[in-house]
């Protein structure tokens, strides 16, 4: 692990999101887009869907979703806004739900 990776993993935002940090580090390697030393985190407050909570956010140029089930958060990162939108478009479901999530992605841009 490089010093850069260690620094990212130790940032306060990623303390409880280590898998998310590792996904972003991998995207950095693949895309050449890097987190700057100072970066902004935007996040839509969690929504509750029955027993689950869901959150969507952006860390610099990278987007993520988080799902909480039984008190455990799991995250999925996306290399950019388009990849995040593609994820929601590919999910089966109603158009209203898709519009809801795509609107939230737009709010993060």
C-alpha atoms as a PDB file:
ATOM      1  CA  UNK A   1       0.000   0.000   0.000  1.00  0.00           C
ATOM      2  CA  UNK A   2       1.342   3.417  -0.904  1.00  0.00           C
ATOM      3  CA  UNK A   3       1.530   6.380   1.420  1.00  0.00           C
ATOM      4  CA  UNK A   4      -1.204   8.046  -0.663  1.00  0.00           C
ATOM      5  CA  UNK A   5      -3.522   5.075  -0.163  1.00  0.00           C
ATOM      6  CA  UNK A   6      -2.823   5.051   3.567  1.00  0.00           C
ATOM      7  CA  UNK A   7      -3.582   8.774   3.761  1.00  0.00           C
ATOM      8  CA  UNK A   8      -6.916   8.354   1.952  1.00  0.00           C
ATOM      9  CA  UNK A   9      -7.902   5.401   4.135  1.00  0.00           C
ATOM     10  CA  UNK A  10      -7.131   7.441   7.258  1.00  0.00           C
ATOM     11  CA  UNK A  11      -9.179  10.511   6.274  1.00  0.00           C
ATOM     12  CA  UNK A  12     -12.060  11.157   8.710  1.00  0.00           C
ATOM     13  CA  UNK A  13     -14.742  10.778   6.014  1.00  0.00           C
ATOM     14  CA  UNK A  14     -13.485   7.285   5.149  1.00  0.00           C
ATOM     15  CA  UNK A  15     -12.960   6.031   8.726  1.00  0.00           C
ATOM     16  CA  UNK A  16     -16.196   4.023   8.614  1.00  0.00           C
ATOM     17  CA  UNK A  17     -16.184   3.653   4.812  1.00  0.00           C
ATOM     18  CA  UNK A  18     -12.988   1.727   4.109  1.00  0.00           C
ATOM     19  CA  UNK A  19     -14.467  -0.272   1.208  1.00  0.00           C
ATOM     20  CA  UNK A  20     -15.647   2.964  -0.412  1.00  0.00           C
ATOM     21  CA  UNK A  21     -12.148   4.443  -0.035  1.00  0.00           C
ATOM     22  CA  UNK A  22     -10.580   1.359  -1.632  1.00  0.00           C
ATOM     23  CA  UNK A  23     -12.999   1.568  -4.561  1.00  0.00           C
ATOM     24  CA  UNK A  24     -12.081   5.235  -5.094  1.00  0.00           C
ATOM     25  CA  UNK A  25      -8.355   4.417  -4.903  1.00  0.00           C
ATOM     26  CA  UNK A  26      -8.923   1.788  -7.608  1.00  0.00           C
ATOM     27  CA  UNK A  27     -10.769   4.346  -9.767  1.00  0.00           C
ATOM     28  CA  UNK A  28      -7.842   6.727  -9.356  1.00  0.00           C
ATOM     29  CA  UNK A  29      -5.524   4.065 -10.779  1.00  0.00           C
ATOM     30  CA  UNK A  30      -7.893   3.206 -13.642  1.00  0.00           C
ATOM     31  CA  UNK A  31      -8.987   6.713 -14.673  1.00  0.00           C
ATOM     32  CA  UNK A  32      -6.097   8.987 -13.700  1.00  0.00           C
ATOM     33  CA  UNK A  33      -8.586  11.215 -11.820  1.00  0.00           C
ATOM     34  CA  UNK A  34      -7.271  11.785  -8.286  1.00  0.00           C
ATOM     35  CA  UNK A  35      -8.741  13.130  -5.100  1.00  0.00           C
ATOM     36  CA  UNK A  36      -7.122  16.505  -4.425  1.00  0.00           C
ATOM     37  CA  UNK A  37      -5.625  17.233  -0.995  1.00  0.00           C
ATOM     38  CA  UNK A  38      -8.738  19.251  -0.176  1.00  0.00           C
ATOM     39  CA  UNK A  39     -11.980  17.859  -1.595  1.00  0.00           C
ATOM     40  CA  UNK A  40     -15.667  18.429  -1.118  1.00  0.00           C
ATOM     41  CA  UNK A  41     -18.120  15.759  -0.057  1.00  0.00           C
ATOM     42  CA  UNK A  42     -21.745  16.273  -1.048  1.00  0.00           C
ATOM     43  CA  UNK A  43     -24.348  13.909   0.272  1.00  0.00           C
ATOM     44  CA  UNK A  44     -28.138  13.730   0.129  1.00  0.00           C
ATOM     45  CA  UNK A  45     -29.578  12.901   3.578  1.00  0.00           C
ATOM     46  CA  UNK A  46     -30.477   9.215   3.929  1.00  0.00           C
ATOM     47  CA  UNK A  47     -33.897   8.073   2.758  1.00  0.00           C
ATOM     48  CA  UNK A  48     -35.707   5.250   4.523  1.00  0.00           C
ATOM     49  CA  UNK A  49     -37.236   2.414   2.532  1.00  0.00           C
ATOM     50  CA  UNK A  50     -38.860   0.044   4.992  1.00  0.00           C
ATOM     51  CA  UNK A  51     -36.072  -1.635   6.949  1.00  0.00           C
ATOM     52  CA  UNK A  52     -33.338  -0.053   4.845  1.00  0.00           C
ATOM     53  CA  UNK A  53     -31.775   3.362   4.481  1.00  0.00           C
ATOM     54  CA  UNK A  54     -30.176   4.629   1.300  1.00  0.00           C
ATOM     55  CA  UNK A  55     -27.839   7.549   0.704  1.00  0.00           C
ATOM     56  CA  UNK A  56     -26.268   8.972  -2.418  1.00  0.00           C
ATOM     57  CA  UNK A  57     -23.266  11.259  -2.527  1.00  0.00           C
ATOM     58  CA  UNK A  58     -20.254  12.606  -4.342  1.00  0.00           C
ATOM     59  CA  UNK A  59     -16.614  12.742  -3.239  1.00  0.00           C
ATOM     60  CA  UNK A  60     -14.848  15.139  -5.607  1.00  0.00           C
ATOM     61  CA  UNK A  61     -15.561  13.569  -9.062  1.00  0.00           C
ATOM     62  CA  UNK A  62     -16.596  10.154  -7.706  1.00  0.00           C
ATOM     63  CA  UNK A  63     -20.190   9.227  -6.887  1.00  0.00           C
ATOM     64  CA  UNK A  64     -21.399   6.652  -4.387  1.00  0.00           C
ATOM     65  CA  UNK A  65     -24.500   5.038  -3.005  1.00  0.00           C
ATOM     66  CA  UNK A  66     -24.822   3.516   0.420  1.00  0.00           C
ATOM     67  CA  UNK A  67     -27.394   1.043   1.672  1.00  0.00           C
ATOM     68  CA  UNK A  68     -27.885   0.376   5.374  1.00  0.00           C
ATOM     69  CA  UNK A  69     -29.474  -2.882   6.392  1.00  0.00           C
ATOM     70  CA  UNK A  70     -29.634  -3.971  10.030  1.00  0.00           C
ATOM     71  CA  UNK A  71     -27.294  -1.129  11.017  1.00  0.00           C
ATOM     72  CA  UNK A  72     -24.530  -2.068   8.565  1.00  0.00           C
ATOM     73  CA  UNK A  73     -23.691   0.315   5.714  1.00  0.00           C
ATOM     74  CA  UNK A  74     -22.465  -1.018   2.386  1.00  0.00           C
ATOM     75  CA  UNK A  75     -21.177   1.321  -0.309  1.00  0.00           C
ATOM     76  CA  UNK A  76     -20.717   1.222  -4.056  1.00  0.00           C
ATOM     77  CA  UNK A  77     -18.585   3.835  -5.799  1.00  0.00           C
ATOM     78  CA  UNK A  78     -18.870   5.019  -9.377  1.00  0.00           C
ATOM     79  CA  UNK A  79     -16.088   6.607 -11.425  1.00  0.00           C
ATOM     80  CA  UNK A  80     -18.296   9.481 -12.560  1.00  0.00           C
ATOM     81  CA  UNK A  81     -21.826  10.852 -12.791  1.00  0.00           C
ATOM     82  CA  UNK A  82     -22.657   8.887 -15.955  1.00  0.00           C
ATOM     83  CA  UNK A  83     -21.670   5.525 -14.422  1.00  0.00           C
ATOM     84  CA  UNK A  84     -23.873   6.301 -11.413  1.00  0.00           C
ATOM     85  CA  UNK A  85     -26.827   7.144 -13.662  1.00  0.00           C
ATOM     86  CA  UNK A  86     -26.247   3.975 -15.701  1.00  0.00           C
ATOM     87  CA  UNK A  87     -26.505   1.926 -12.492  1.00  0.00           C
ATOM     88  CA  UNK A  88     -29.970   3.298 -11.696  1.00  0.00           C
ATOM     89  CA  UNK A  89     -31.177   3.086 -15.287  1.00  0.00           C
ATOM     90  CA  UNK A  90     -30.227  -0.620 -15.360  1.00  0.00           C
ATOM     91  CA  UNK A  91     -32.232  -1.450 -12.218  1.00  0.00           C
ATOM     92  CA  UNK A  92     -35.705  -2.894 -12.685  1.00  0.00           C
ATOM     93  CA  UNK A  93     -38.391  -0.699 -11.186  1.00  0.00           C
ATOM     94  CA  UNK A  94     -40.871   2.047 -11.713  1.00  0.00           C
ATOM     95  CA  UNK A  95     -40.134   5.215 -13.639  1.00  0.00           C
ATOM     96  CA  UNK A  96     -41.007   7.325 -10.573  1.00  0.00           C
ATOM     97  CA  UNK A  97     -38.229   5.663  -8.551  1.00  0.00           C
ATOM     98  CA  UNK A  98     -35.744   6.141 -11.377  1.00  0.00           C
ATOM     99  CA  UNK A  99     -36.691   9.810 -11.706  1.00  0.00           C
ATOM    100  CA  UNK A 100     -36.249  10.228  -7.942  1.00  0.00           C
ATOM    101  CA  UNK A 101     -32.678   8.885  -7.974  1.00  0.00           C
ATOM    102  CA  UNK A 102     -31.658  10.648 -11.186  1.00  0.00           C
ATOM    103  CA  UNK A 103     -32.924  13.910  -9.707  1.00  0.00           C
ATOM    104  CA  UNK A 104     -30.770  13.339  -6.621  1.00  0.00           C
ATOM    105  CA  UNK A 105     -27.736  12.690  -8.814  1.00  0.00           C
ATOM    106  CA  UNK A 106     -28.410  16.022 -10.550  1.00  0.00           C
ATOM    107  CA  UNK A 107     -28.542  17.759  -7.152  1.00  0.00           C
ATOM    108  CA  UNK A 108     -25.026  16.474  -6.413  1.00  0.00           C
ATOM    109  CA  UNK A 109     -23.509  17.671  -9.700  1.00  0.00           C
END
